[in-house]
């Protein structure tokens, strides 16, 4: 229902009113859905959303990474991390059979050290694979859609969204198509994940291969 409401500017305004009144909980907005409002083309919606969802937006990535660096020193449990992954990452990433392949493959993380994974998670725009840059489409009837440009022809395009939803649109139905110049993964995941949960999910990403076996999980 939230994804449906986020597709049209008028409905976005109604949704923000519901947040203001308390009828809709701010906790319902994961980073992706928050970004659809805070980065909206309509500046009235974007400004209003930033005020209402300010706790979901981090202004300084360097400060956030420094704050969360303590997660690298905490004892971590990959099984707990799997649950954190399911809740916060599985709509775009797939690891150990959990989630969907929409965003870049992070399952093959053997050569990535935990500090690099921490940076990738908290600062997703630092290094963006060009194949995974997000696009925004505004249709002639006012719908606003965001996703990866999965394919395009002379007459149509297909957007790939979280949870591997695909939306095909005729070019004649598109008023505007623009690259956001950003990763599909927005900033702000730390608003939903504590340092301990970050430690656990990094351990899961690093050690998922060994959960069913007898190989030690230590780094």
N, C-alpha and C. Protein backbone atom coordinates (compact mmCIF):
# COMPACT_ATOMS: atom_id res chain seq x y z
N UNK A 1 0.83 -1.20 0.00
CA UNK A 1 0.00 0.00 0.00
C UNK A 1 0.86 1.25 0.00
N UNK A 2 1.94 1.24 0.80
CA UNK A 2 2.84 2.39 0.82
C UNK A 2 3.46 2.63 -0.55
N UNK A 3 3.90 1.55 -1.21
CA UNK A 3 4.51 1.69 -2.52
C UNK A 3 3.51 2.28 -3.52
N UNK A 4 2.24 1.91 -3.40
CA UNK A 4 1.21 2.46 -4.28
C UNK A 4 1.04 3.95 -4.02
N UNK A 5 0.98 4.35 -2.77
CA UNK A 5 0.78 5.76 -2.43
C UNK A 5 1.97 6.62 -2.85
N UNK A 6 3.16 6.04 -2.83
CA UNK A 6 4.35 6.79 -3.19
C UNK A 6 4.47 7.06 -4.68
N UNK A 7 3.61 6.47 -5.48
CA UNK A 7 3.70 6.61 -6.93
C UNK A 7 3.13 7.92 -7.46
N UNK A 8 2.31 8.62 -6.67
CA UNK A 8 1.66 9.83 -7.17
C UNK A 8 1.86 11.00 -6.19
N UNK A 9 2.20 12.17 -6.72
CA UNK A 9 2.46 13.32 -5.85
C UNK A 9 1.31 13.65 -4.90
N UNK A 10 0.09 13.63 -5.38
CA UNK A 10 -1.05 13.95 -4.52
C UNK A 10 -1.17 12.97 -3.37
N UNK A 11 -0.93 11.71 -3.68
CA UNK A 11 -1.01 10.68 -2.63
C UNK A 11 0.17 10.82 -1.66
N UNK A 12 1.31 11.26 -2.15
CA UNK A 12 2.46 11.50 -1.26
C UNK A 12 2.11 12.56 -0.23
N UNK A 13 1.41 13.61 -0.67
CA UNK A 13 1.00 14.67 0.27
C UNK A 13 0.05 14.11 1.31
N UNK A 14 -0.89 13.26 0.87
CA UNK A 14 -1.82 12.64 1.82
C UNK A 14 -1.08 11.75 2.81
N UNK A 15 -0.07 11.06 2.30
CA UNK A 15 0.71 10.18 3.16
C UNK A 15 1.47 10.98 4.21
N UNK A 16 2.05 12.09 3.79
CA UNK A 16 2.78 12.95 4.74
C UNK A 16 1.84 13.52 5.79
N UNK A 17 0.62 13.85 5.39
CA UNK A 17 -0.38 14.32 6.35
C UNK A 17 -0.71 13.23 7.37
N UNK A 18 -0.78 12.00 6.89
CA UNK A 18 -1.06 10.87 7.79
C UNK A 18 0.09 10.65 8.76
N UNK A 19 1.32 10.90 8.30
CA UNK A 19 2.48 10.79 9.20
C UNK A 19 2.41 11.88 10.26
N UNK A 20 2.08 13.09 9.84
CA UNK A 20 1.97 14.21 10.78
C UNK A 20 0.93 13.95 11.85
N UNK A 21 -0.18 13.36 11.45
CA UNK A 21 -1.27 13.11 12.40
C UNK A 21 -1.03 11.89 13.27
N UNK A 22 -0.05 11.08 12.90
CA UNK A 22 0.23 9.87 13.66
C UNK A 22 -0.53 8.65 13.19
N UNK A 23 -1.32 8.81 12.12
CA UNK A 23 -2.07 7.68 11.59
C UNK A 23 -1.15 6.66 10.90
N UNK A 24 -0.01 7.14 10.41
CA UNK A 24 1.00 6.26 9.82
C UNK A 24 2.29 6.44 10.61
N UNK A 25 2.86 5.33 11.04
CA UNK A 25 4.07 5.34 11.86
C UNK A 25 5.30 5.60 10.98
N UNK A 26 6.18 6.49 11.44
CA UNK A 26 7.44 6.72 10.72
C UNK A 26 8.26 5.44 10.58
N UNK A 27 8.10 4.54 11.52
CA UNK A 27 8.84 3.29 11.48
C UNK A 27 8.51 2.40 10.31
N UNK A 28 7.41 2.71 9.62
CA UNK A 28 7.02 1.92 8.44
C UNK A 28 7.91 2.23 7.24
N UNK A 29 8.70 3.30 7.33
CA UNK A 29 9.48 3.74 6.17
C UNK A 29 10.92 3.26 6.28
N UNK A 30 11.26 2.29 5.43
CA UNK A 30 12.65 1.87 5.32
C UNK A 30 13.40 2.93 4.52
N UNK A 31 14.74 2.84 4.41
CA UNK A 31 15.50 3.87 3.70
C UNK A 31 15.05 4.10 2.27
N UNK A 32 14.69 3.03 1.54
CA UNK A 32 14.27 3.20 0.14
C UNK A 32 12.99 4.02 0.05
N UNK A 33 12.02 3.70 0.88
CA UNK A 33 10.75 4.42 0.81
C UNK A 33 10.92 5.85 1.32
N UNK A 34 11.76 6.05 2.33
CA UNK A 34 12.02 7.40 2.81
C UNK A 34 12.62 8.26 1.71
N UNK A 35 13.56 7.67 0.96
CA UNK A 35 14.23 8.41 -0.10
C UNK A 35 13.27 8.83 -1.21
N UNK A 36 12.24 8.03 -1.47
CA UNK A 36 11.26 8.40 -2.49
C UNK A 36 10.55 9.70 -2.13
N UNK A 37 10.44 9.98 -0.84
CA UNK A 37 9.82 11.22 -0.40
C UNK A 37 10.84 12.33 -0.24
N UNK A 38 11.94 12.06 0.43
CA UNK A 38 12.92 13.12 0.70
C UNK A 38 13.66 13.58 -0.54
N UNK A 39 13.71 12.74 -1.59
CA UNK A 39 14.36 13.11 -2.85
C UNK A 39 13.35 13.37 -3.96
N UNK A 40 12.12 13.63 -3.59
CA UNK A 40 11.06 13.79 -4.58
C UNK A 40 11.31 15.01 -5.46
N UNK A 41 10.92 14.92 -6.73
CA UNK A 41 11.07 16.03 -7.66
C UNK A 41 10.29 17.26 -7.20
N UNK A 42 9.13 17.04 -6.61
CA UNK A 42 8.32 18.13 -6.08
C UNK A 42 8.97 18.62 -4.78
N UNK A 43 9.53 19.81 -4.81
CA UNK A 43 10.29 20.30 -3.65
C UNK A 43 9.41 20.48 -2.42
N UNK A 44 8.12 20.74 -2.64
CA UNK A 44 7.22 20.86 -1.50
C UNK A 44 7.14 19.53 -0.75
N UNK A 45 7.02 18.44 -1.50
CA UNK A 45 6.99 17.11 -0.89
C UNK A 45 8.33 16.79 -0.25
N UNK A 46 9.42 17.05 -0.97
CA UNK A 46 10.76 16.72 -0.46
C UNK A 46 11.06 17.48 0.83
N UNK A 47 10.79 18.78 0.85
CA UNK A 47 11.08 19.59 2.04
C UNK A 47 10.24 19.14 3.23
N UNK A 48 8.98 18.86 2.95
CA UNK A 48 8.09 18.41 4.02
C UNK A 48 8.53 17.05 4.56
N UNK A 49 8.93 16.17 3.65
CA UNK A 49 9.36 14.83 4.06
C UNK A 49 10.64 14.88 4.87
N UNK A 50 11.57 15.74 4.48
CA UNK A 50 12.84 15.82 5.22
C UNK A 50 12.62 16.23 6.66
N UNK A 51 11.63 17.12 6.88
CA UNK A 51 11.33 17.53 8.25
C UNK A 51 10.69 16.39 9.03
N UNK A 52 9.77 15.68 8.38
CA UNK A 52 9.06 14.61 9.07
C UNK A 52 9.92 13.36 9.27
N UNK A 53 10.81 13.09 8.32
CA UNK A 53 11.61 11.87 8.36
C UNK A 53 13.07 12.17 8.61
N UNK A 54 13.33 13.27 9.30
CA UNK A 54 14.72 13.71 9.51
C UNK A 54 15.55 12.64 10.19
N UNK A 55 14.94 11.89 11.08
CA UNK A 55 15.71 10.87 11.78
C UNK A 55 16.11 9.72 10.87
N UNK A 56 15.54 9.68 9.64
CA UNK A 56 15.88 8.64 8.69
C UNK A 56 16.99 9.07 7.74
N UNK A 57 17.46 10.32 7.86
CA UNK A 57 18.43 10.82 6.91
C UNK A 57 19.70 11.26 7.63
N UNK A 58 20.83 10.70 7.24
CA UNK A 58 22.11 11.08 7.83
C UNK A 58 22.77 12.14 6.96
N UNK A 59 23.22 13.22 7.56
CA UNK A 59 23.79 14.33 6.80
C UNK A 59 25.26 14.15 6.51
N UNK A 60 25.97 13.41 7.33
CA UNK A 60 27.42 13.32 7.19
C UNK A 60 27.84 11.87 7.23
N UNK A 61 28.17 11.31 6.08
CA UNK A 61 28.55 9.90 6.02
C UNK A 61 29.84 9.61 6.79
N UNK A 62 30.77 10.53 6.75
CA UNK A 62 32.03 10.31 7.47
C UNK A 62 31.77 10.16 8.96
N UNK A 63 30.92 11.03 9.50
CA UNK A 63 30.60 10.97 10.93
C UNK A 63 29.88 9.68 11.28
N UNK A 64 28.97 9.25 10.40
CA UNK A 64 28.21 8.02 10.66
C UNK A 64 29.14 6.81 10.65
N UNK A 65 30.04 6.76 9.68
CA UNK A 65 30.98 5.63 9.61
C UNK A 65 31.87 5.62 10.85
N UNK A 66 32.31 6.80 11.29
CA UNK A 66 33.13 6.87 12.51
C UNK A 66 32.34 6.39 13.72
N UNK A 67 31.09 6.78 13.78
CA UNK A 67 30.24 6.36 14.90
C UNK A 67 30.05 4.85 14.93
N UNK A 68 29.91 4.24 13.74
CA UNK A 68 29.64 2.82 13.65
C UNK A 68 30.90 1.96 13.58
N UNK A 69 32.07 2.59 13.59
CA UNK A 69 33.30 1.81 13.53
C UNK A 69 33.44 0.89 14.75
N UNK A 70 32.78 1.25 15.84
CA UNK A 70 32.82 0.41 17.03
C UNK A 70 32.17 -0.96 16.78
N UNK A 71 31.31 -1.03 15.76
CA UNK A 71 30.67 -2.31 15.43
C UNK A 71 31.70 -3.35 15.04
N UNK A 72 32.84 -2.90 14.51
CA UNK A 72 33.88 -3.83 14.06
C UNK A 72 34.59 -4.50 15.23
N UNK A 73 34.41 -3.97 16.42
CA UNK A 73 35.07 -4.52 17.60
C UNK A 73 34.13 -5.35 18.46
N UNK A 74 32.85 -5.37 18.11
CA UNK A 74 31.87 -6.08 18.94
C UNK A 74 31.83 -7.57 18.62
N UNK A 75 31.59 -8.43 19.62
CA UNK A 75 31.34 -9.85 19.32
C UNK A 75 30.10 -9.94 18.44
N UNK A 76 30.16 -10.77 17.41
CA UNK A 76 29.07 -10.81 16.44
C UNK A 76 28.57 -12.23 16.22
N UNK A 77 27.29 -12.33 15.89
CA UNK A 77 26.64 -13.62 15.67
C UNK A 77 26.04 -13.62 14.26
N UNK A 78 26.55 -14.48 13.34
CA UNK A 78 26.03 -14.49 11.98
C UNK A 78 24.58 -14.94 11.88
N UNK A 79 24.11 -15.74 12.82
CA UNK A 79 22.71 -16.16 12.79
C UNK A 79 21.79 -14.98 13.10
N UNK A 80 22.18 -14.17 14.08
CA UNK A 80 21.42 -12.94 14.32
C UNK A 80 21.53 -12.03 13.10
N UNK A 81 22.72 -12.01 12.51
CA UNK A 81 22.95 -11.17 11.35
C UNK A 81 22.06 -11.55 10.18
N UNK A 82 21.78 -12.84 10.04
CA UNK A 82 20.89 -13.28 8.97
C UNK A 82 19.50 -12.66 9.13
N UNK A 83 19.02 -12.56 10.36
CA UNK A 83 17.72 -11.95 10.60
C UNK A 83 17.74 -10.45 10.31
N UNK A 84 18.84 -9.80 10.65
CA UNK A 84 18.99 -8.38 10.32
C UNK A 84 18.99 -8.19 8.81
N UNK A 85 19.68 -9.10 8.11
CA UNK A 85 19.74 -9.05 6.65
C UNK A 85 18.35 -9.23 6.04
N UNK A 86 17.60 -10.19 6.55
CA UNK A 86 16.25 -10.45 6.04
C UNK A 86 15.38 -9.20 6.13
N UNK A 87 15.50 -8.50 7.24
CA UNK A 87 14.63 -7.35 7.49
C UNK A 87 15.05 -6.12 6.71
N UNK A 88 16.35 -5.91 6.55
CA UNK A 88 16.83 -4.64 6.04
C UNK A 88 17.49 -4.67 4.66
N UNK A 89 17.89 -5.85 4.20
CA UNK A 89 18.68 -5.93 2.97
C UNK A 89 18.09 -6.83 1.90
N UNK A 90 17.22 -7.75 2.30
CA UNK A 90 16.80 -8.82 1.39
C UNK A 90 15.89 -8.35 0.26
N UNK A 91 15.36 -7.12 0.35
CA UNK A 91 14.50 -6.65 -0.74
C UNK A 91 15.30 -6.34 -2.00
N UNK A 92 16.63 -6.21 -1.85
CA UNK A 92 17.47 -5.91 -3.02
C UNK A 92 18.68 -6.84 -3.17
N UNK A 93 19.13 -7.44 -2.08
CA UNK A 93 20.32 -8.30 -2.12
C UNK A 93 19.95 -9.75 -1.81
N UNK A 94 20.78 -10.66 -2.33
CA UNK A 94 20.58 -12.09 -2.07
C UNK A 94 21.87 -12.69 -1.54
N UNK A 95 21.78 -13.31 -0.37
CA UNK A 95 22.91 -13.99 0.25
C UNK A 95 22.40 -15.28 0.87
N UNK A 96 23.06 -16.38 0.59
CA UNK A 96 22.72 -17.68 1.19
C UNK A 96 21.26 -18.05 0.95
N UNK A 97 20.74 -17.74 -0.23
CA UNK A 97 19.37 -18.09 -0.56
C UNK A 97 18.33 -17.17 0.03
N UNK A 98 18.77 -16.12 0.71
CA UNK A 98 17.86 -15.16 1.33
C UNK A 98 17.84 -13.89 0.49
N UNK A 99 16.66 -13.44 0.07
CA UNK A 99 16.54 -12.19 -0.65
C UNK A 99 16.47 -12.37 -2.15
N UNK A 100 16.61 -11.25 -2.86
CA UNK A 100 16.52 -11.24 -4.32
C UNK A 100 17.70 -10.49 -4.91
N UNK A 101 18.06 -10.84 -6.15
CA UNK A 101 19.19 -10.22 -6.83
C UNK A 101 18.72 -9.00 -7.63
N UNK A 102 18.63 -7.88 -6.97
CA UNK A 102 18.33 -6.62 -7.65
C UNK A 102 19.56 -5.73 -7.66
N UNK A 103 20.21 -5.64 -6.52
CA UNK A 103 21.40 -4.81 -6.35
C UNK A 103 22.66 -5.65 -6.61
N UNK A 104 23.84 -5.03 -6.56
CA UNK A 104 25.08 -5.78 -6.80
C UNK A 104 25.23 -6.99 -5.88
N UNK A 105 25.93 -7.99 -6.36
CA UNK A 105 26.16 -9.22 -5.61
C UNK A 105 27.10 -8.95 -4.45
N UNK A 106 26.63 -9.15 -3.24
CA UNK A 106 27.49 -8.99 -2.07
C UNK A 106 27.79 -10.33 -1.40
N UNK A 107 27.27 -11.41 -1.99
CA UNK A 107 27.50 -12.73 -1.41
C UNK A 107 28.96 -13.15 -1.55
N UNK A 108 29.60 -12.73 -2.64
CA UNK A 108 30.99 -13.08 -2.87
C UNK A 108 31.88 -12.02 -2.23
N UNK A 109 31.93 -12.03 -0.91
CA UNK A 109 32.61 -10.98 -0.15
C UNK A 109 33.88 -11.48 0.52
N UNK A 110 34.40 -12.60 0.02
CA UNK A 110 35.56 -13.21 0.66
C UNK A 110 36.74 -12.25 0.75
N UNK A 111 36.94 -11.46 -0.31
CA UNK A 111 38.09 -10.56 -0.35
C UNK A 111 37.82 -9.19 0.27
N UNK A 112 36.59 -8.98 0.73
CA UNK A 112 36.27 -7.70 1.36
C UNK A 112 36.42 -7.80 2.87
N UNK A 113 37.18 -6.88 3.43
CA UNK A 113 37.35 -6.85 4.87
C UNK A 113 36.15 -6.15 5.53
N UNK A 114 35.88 -6.45 6.79
CA UNK A 114 34.75 -5.81 7.48
C UNK A 114 34.72 -4.29 7.39
N UNK A 115 35.87 -3.57 7.51
CA UNK A 115 35.79 -2.11 7.38
C UNK A 115 35.27 -1.66 6.03
N UNK A 116 35.62 -2.37 4.97
CA UNK A 116 35.12 -2.01 3.65
C UNK A 116 33.63 -2.27 3.53
N UNK A 117 33.18 -3.39 4.08
CA UNK A 117 31.75 -3.69 4.07
C UNK A 117 30.97 -2.63 4.85
N UNK A 118 31.52 -2.20 5.98
CA UNK A 118 30.86 -1.16 6.77
C UNK A 118 30.71 0.12 5.95
N UNK A 119 31.76 0.50 5.26
CA UNK A 119 31.71 1.71 4.43
C UNK A 119 30.72 1.55 3.29
N UNK A 120 30.73 0.39 2.64
CA UNK A 120 29.80 0.15 1.53
C UNK A 120 28.35 0.25 1.99
N UNK A 121 28.08 -0.24 3.19
CA UNK A 121 26.72 -0.23 3.71
C UNK A 121 26.27 1.19 4.09
N UNK A 122 27.16 1.92 4.75
CA UNK A 122 26.78 3.23 5.28
C UNK A 122 26.96 4.38 4.28
N UNK A 123 27.78 4.15 3.26
CA UNK A 123 28.01 5.19 2.25
C UNK A 123 27.85 4.58 0.86
N UNK A 124 26.64 4.19 0.49
CA UNK A 124 26.43 3.45 -0.75
C UNK A 124 26.75 4.23 -2.02
N UNK A 125 26.86 5.55 -1.90
CA UNK A 125 27.13 6.35 -3.09
C UNK A 125 28.62 6.64 -3.29
N UNK A 126 29.44 6.12 -2.42
CA UNK A 126 30.88 6.38 -2.54
C UNK A 126 31.44 5.74 -3.81
N UNK A 127 31.00 4.53 -4.13
CA UNK A 127 31.44 3.85 -5.34
C UNK A 127 30.24 3.12 -5.92
N UNK A 128 29.70 3.63 -7.02
CA UNK A 128 28.48 3.07 -7.60
C UNK A 128 28.78 2.34 -8.89
N UNK A 129 28.32 1.12 -8.98
CA UNK A 129 28.37 0.38 -10.23
C UNK A 129 27.38 1.03 -11.19
N UNK A 130 27.84 1.40 -12.38
CA UNK A 130 26.97 2.11 -13.33
C UNK A 130 25.73 1.30 -13.71
N UNK A 131 25.80 -0.01 -13.55
CA UNK A 131 24.64 -0.85 -13.87
C UNK A 131 23.54 -0.76 -12.81
N UNK A 132 23.86 -0.12 -11.68
CA UNK A 132 22.91 -0.09 -10.58
C UNK A 132 22.56 1.33 -10.13
N UNK A 133 22.75 2.28 -11.02
CA UNK A 133 22.33 3.65 -10.73
C UNK A 133 20.81 3.72 -10.81
N UNK A 134 20.20 4.41 -9.90
CA UNK A 134 18.74 4.50 -9.89
C UNK A 134 18.24 5.56 -10.88
N UNK A 135 17.08 5.28 -11.44
CA UNK A 135 16.42 6.20 -12.36
C UNK A 135 15.04 6.52 -11.81
N UNK A 136 14.59 7.72 -12.12
CA UNK A 136 13.22 8.12 -11.78
C UNK A 136 12.46 8.37 -13.07
N UNK A 137 11.26 7.83 -13.13
CA UNK A 137 10.37 8.02 -14.27
C UNK A 137 9.13 8.76 -13.78
N UNK A 138 8.76 9.80 -14.51
CA UNK A 138 7.49 10.48 -14.28
C UNK A 138 6.63 10.23 -15.50
N UNK A 139 5.48 9.61 -15.30
CA UNK A 139 4.60 9.29 -16.43
C UNK A 139 3.71 10.48 -16.77
N UNK A 140 3.09 10.42 -17.93
CA UNK A 140 2.24 11.52 -18.37
C UNK A 140 1.02 11.70 -17.48
N UNK A 141 0.64 10.65 -16.74
CA UNK A 141 -0.50 10.79 -15.83
C UNK A 141 -0.08 11.04 -14.39
N UNK A 142 1.21 11.35 -14.19
CA UNK A 142 1.66 11.82 -12.88
C UNK A 142 2.27 10.78 -11.96
N UNK A 143 2.37 9.54 -12.37
CA UNK A 143 3.02 8.54 -11.53
C UNK A 143 4.52 8.80 -11.45
N UNK A 144 5.09 8.54 -10.29
CA UNK A 144 6.54 8.68 -10.10
C UNK A 144 7.08 7.32 -9.68
N UNK A 145 7.98 6.77 -10.49
CA UNK A 145 8.52 5.43 -10.27
C UNK A 145 10.05 5.52 -10.22
N UNK A 146 10.64 4.72 -9.34
CA UNK A 146 12.09 4.69 -9.20
C UNK A 146 12.59 3.25 -9.29
N UNK A 147 13.71 3.06 -9.95
CA UNK A 147 14.30 1.72 -10.03
C UNK A 147 15.52 1.73 -10.93
N UNK A 148 16.08 0.56 -11.11
CA UNK A 148 17.21 0.37 -12.03
C UNK A 148 16.66 0.22 -13.44
N UNK A 149 17.35 0.81 -14.39
CA UNK A 149 16.94 0.66 -15.79
C UNK A 149 17.39 -0.72 -16.27
N UNK A 150 16.47 -1.67 -16.21
CA UNK A 150 16.81 -3.06 -16.50
C UNK A 150 16.97 -3.31 -17.99
N UNK A 151 16.13 -2.66 -18.79
CA UNK A 151 16.22 -2.82 -20.25
C UNK A 151 15.49 -1.67 -20.91
N UNK A 152 15.83 -1.43 -22.17
CA UNK A 152 15.14 -0.40 -22.92
C UNK A 152 15.18 -0.72 -24.40
N UNK A 153 14.14 -0.30 -25.08
CA UNK A 153 14.06 -0.42 -26.54
C UNK A 153 13.66 0.95 -27.09
N UNK A 154 13.45 1.00 -28.37
CA UNK A 154 13.05 2.25 -28.99
C UNK A 154 11.68 2.70 -28.53
N UNK A 155 10.88 1.76 -28.06
CA UNK A 155 9.49 2.09 -27.71
C UNK A 155 9.15 1.92 -26.23
N UNK A 156 10.03 1.29 -25.45
CA UNK A 156 9.68 1.03 -24.05
C UNK A 156 10.92 0.91 -23.17
N UNK A 157 10.69 0.98 -21.88
CA UNK A 157 11.74 0.71 -20.90
C UNK A 157 11.17 -0.21 -19.82
N UNK A 158 12.07 -0.87 -19.10
CA UNK A 158 11.67 -1.69 -17.96
C UNK A 158 12.49 -1.29 -16.75
N UNK A 159 11.80 -0.93 -15.68
CA UNK A 159 12.45 -0.62 -14.42
C UNK A 159 12.42 -1.85 -13.52
N UNK A 160 13.53 -2.07 -12.82
CA UNK A 160 13.59 -3.14 -11.84
C UNK A 160 13.65 -2.51 -10.46
N UNK A 161 12.70 -2.89 -9.60
CA UNK A 161 12.57 -2.28 -8.29
C UNK A 161 12.87 -3.28 -7.18
N UNK A 162 12.84 -2.80 -5.95
CA UNK A 162 13.08 -3.69 -4.81
C UNK A 162 12.09 -4.84 -4.83
N UNK A 163 12.52 -5.94 -4.22
CA UNK A 163 11.76 -7.19 -4.21
C UNK A 163 11.60 -7.76 -5.62
N UNK A 164 12.47 -7.31 -6.52
CA UNK A 164 12.52 -7.79 -7.90
C UNK A 164 11.23 -7.53 -8.67
N UNK A 165 10.52 -6.47 -8.31
CA UNK A 165 9.36 -6.06 -9.10
C UNK A 165 9.86 -5.41 -10.39
N UNK A 166 9.18 -5.67 -11.48
CA UNK A 166 9.54 -5.09 -12.78
C UNK A 166 8.34 -4.33 -13.34
N UNK A 167 8.63 -3.14 -13.81
CA UNK A 167 7.58 -2.28 -14.37
C UNK A 167 8.00 -1.89 -15.77
N UNK A 168 7.19 -2.24 -16.76
CA UNK A 168 7.46 -1.89 -18.15
C UNK A 168 6.57 -0.72 -18.55
N UNK A 169 7.17 0.24 -19.24
CA UNK A 169 6.46 1.45 -19.63
C UNK A 169 6.74 1.77 -21.09
N UNK A 170 5.70 2.17 -21.80
CA UNK A 170 5.89 2.67 -23.16
C UNK A 170 6.50 4.07 -23.09
N UNK A 171 7.40 4.36 -24.00
CA UNK A 171 8.02 5.69 -24.00
C UNK A 171 6.99 6.79 -24.22
N UNK A 172 5.94 6.49 -24.96
CA UNK A 172 4.88 7.48 -25.19
C UNK A 172 4.16 7.85 -23.89
N UNK A 173 4.26 6.97 -22.89
CA UNK A 173 3.60 7.22 -21.61
C UNK A 173 4.52 7.90 -20.60
N UNK A 174 5.75 8.20 -21.01
CA UNK A 174 6.74 8.77 -20.10
C UNK A 174 6.89 10.26 -20.37
N UNK A 175 6.71 11.05 -19.30
CA UNK A 175 6.91 12.49 -19.41
C UNK A 175 8.37 12.85 -19.16
N UNK A 176 9.01 12.11 -18.23
CA UNK A 176 10.41 12.39 -17.90
C UNK A 176 11.10 11.12 -17.44
N UNK A 177 12.32 10.93 -17.90
CA UNK A 177 13.17 9.83 -17.44
C UNK A 177 14.52 10.44 -17.10
N UNK A 178 14.96 10.27 -15.85
CA UNK A 178 16.23 10.87 -15.46
C UNK A 178 17.01 9.94 -14.55
N UNK A 179 18.32 9.98 -14.70
CA UNK A 179 19.20 9.28 -13.78
C UNK A 179 19.34 10.11 -12.52
N UNK A 180 19.27 9.46 -11.38
CA UNK A 180 19.44 10.16 -10.11
C UNK A 180 20.91 10.33 -9.74
N UNK A 181 21.80 9.61 -10.47
CA UNK A 181 23.22 9.70 -10.17
C UNK A 181 23.58 9.10 -8.83
N UNK A 182 22.69 8.27 -8.30
CA UNK A 182 22.87 7.69 -6.97
C UNK A 182 22.62 6.19 -7.04
N UNK A 183 23.13 5.50 -6.04
CA UNK A 183 22.83 4.09 -5.90
C UNK A 183 21.35 3.90 -5.60
N UNK A 184 20.82 2.78 -6.04
CA UNK A 184 19.44 2.45 -5.69
C UNK A 184 19.29 2.32 -4.17
N UNK A 185 20.37 1.93 -3.52
CA UNK A 185 20.38 1.85 -2.07
C UNK A 185 20.63 3.24 -1.49
N UNK A 186 19.65 3.82 -0.81
CA UNK A 186 19.84 5.16 -0.27
C UNK A 186 20.64 5.15 1.02
N UNK A 187 21.11 6.33 1.40
CA UNK A 187 21.78 6.47 2.68
C UNK A 187 20.75 6.38 3.80
N UNK A 188 21.21 6.05 4.99
CA UNK A 188 20.34 6.08 6.16
C UNK A 188 20.02 4.74 6.78
N UNK A 189 20.68 3.67 6.34
CA UNK A 189 20.38 2.36 6.91
C UNK A 189 20.64 2.33 8.41
N UNK A 190 21.60 3.13 8.86
CA UNK A 190 21.95 3.13 10.28
C UNK A 190 20.78 3.55 11.16
N UNK A 191 19.79 4.21 10.58
CA UNK A 191 18.64 4.61 11.38
C UNK A 191 17.78 3.41 11.79
N UNK A 192 17.96 2.30 11.10
CA UNK A 192 17.19 1.10 11.41
C UNK A 192 18.04 -0.02 11.99
N UNK A 193 19.36 0.17 12.03
CA UNK A 193 20.28 -0.90 12.45
C UNK A 193 21.24 -0.36 13.51
N UNK A 194 21.27 -1.00 14.66
CA UNK A 194 22.16 -0.59 15.74
C UNK A 194 23.59 -1.05 15.45
N UNK A 195 24.59 -0.52 16.16
CA UNK A 195 25.95 -1.01 15.97
C UNK A 195 26.09 -2.52 16.17
N UNK A 196 25.37 -3.07 17.16
CA UNK A 196 25.43 -4.51 17.36
C UNK A 196 24.83 -5.26 16.18
N UNK A 197 23.72 -4.78 15.68
CA UNK A 197 23.11 -5.42 14.51
C UNK A 197 24.01 -5.28 13.28
N UNK A 198 24.71 -4.16 13.17
CA UNK A 198 25.65 -3.98 12.07
C UNK A 198 26.77 -5.00 12.16
N UNK A 199 27.29 -5.20 13.37
CA UNK A 199 28.33 -6.21 13.57
C UNK A 199 27.83 -7.59 13.15
N UNK A 200 26.59 -7.90 13.53
CA UNK A 200 26.03 -9.22 13.23
C UNK A 200 25.82 -9.41 11.72
N UNK A 201 25.30 -8.38 11.04
CA UNK A 201 25.02 -8.54 9.61
C UNK A 201 26.32 -8.61 8.80
N UNK A 202 27.35 -7.89 9.22
CA UNK A 202 28.64 -8.00 8.54
C UNK A 202 29.22 -9.39 8.73
N UNK A 203 29.08 -9.94 9.93
CA UNK A 203 29.57 -11.30 10.17
C UNK A 203 28.80 -12.31 9.32
N UNK A 204 27.49 -12.10 9.16
CA UNK A 204 26.70 -12.99 8.30
C UNK A 204 27.18 -12.91 6.85
N UNK A 205 27.38 -11.71 6.33
CA UNK A 205 27.82 -11.55 4.95
C UNK A 205 29.18 -12.20 4.73
N UNK A 206 30.04 -12.11 5.72
CA UNK A 206 31.38 -12.69 5.61
C UNK A 206 31.38 -14.20 5.77
N UNK A 207 30.48 -14.73 6.57
CA UNK A 207 30.59 -16.13 6.98
C UNK A 207 29.39 -17.00 6.64
N UNK A 208 28.52 -16.56 5.76
CA UNK A 208 27.30 -17.31 5.50
C UNK A 208 27.59 -18.72 4.98
N UNK A 209 28.73 -18.90 4.28
CA UNK A 209 29.05 -20.22 3.71
C UNK A 209 29.25 -21.29 4.77
N UNK A 210 29.61 -20.85 5.96
CA UNK A 210 30.02 -21.80 6.99
C UNK A 210 28.95 -22.09 8.03
N UNK A 211 27.77 -21.50 7.87
CA UNK A 211 26.76 -21.65 8.90
C UNK A 211 26.27 -23.08 9.06
N UNK A 212 26.29 -23.86 7.98
CA UNK A 212 25.77 -25.23 8.05
C UNK A 212 26.87 -26.25 8.28
N UNK A 213 28.13 -25.81 8.35
CA UNK A 213 29.23 -26.75 8.48
C UNK A 213 29.98 -26.62 9.77
N UNK A 214 31.16 -27.21 9.81
CA UNK A 214 31.95 -27.21 11.04
C UNK A 214 33.18 -26.32 10.96
N UNK A 215 33.27 -25.51 9.88
CA UNK A 215 34.41 -24.62 9.75
C UNK A 215 34.26 -23.47 10.73
N UNK A 216 35.27 -23.12 11.48
CA UNK A 216 35.16 -22.04 12.46
C UNK A 216 34.71 -20.74 11.80
N UNK A 217 33.93 -19.97 12.53
CA UNK A 217 33.40 -18.73 12.01
C UNK A 217 34.32 -17.54 12.27
N UNK A 218 35.37 -17.72 13.03
CA UNK A 218 36.24 -16.59 13.35
C UNK A 218 36.91 -16.07 12.11
N UNK A 219 37.18 -14.74 12.10
CA UNK A 219 37.89 -14.12 10.97
C UNK A 219 39.33 -14.63 10.93
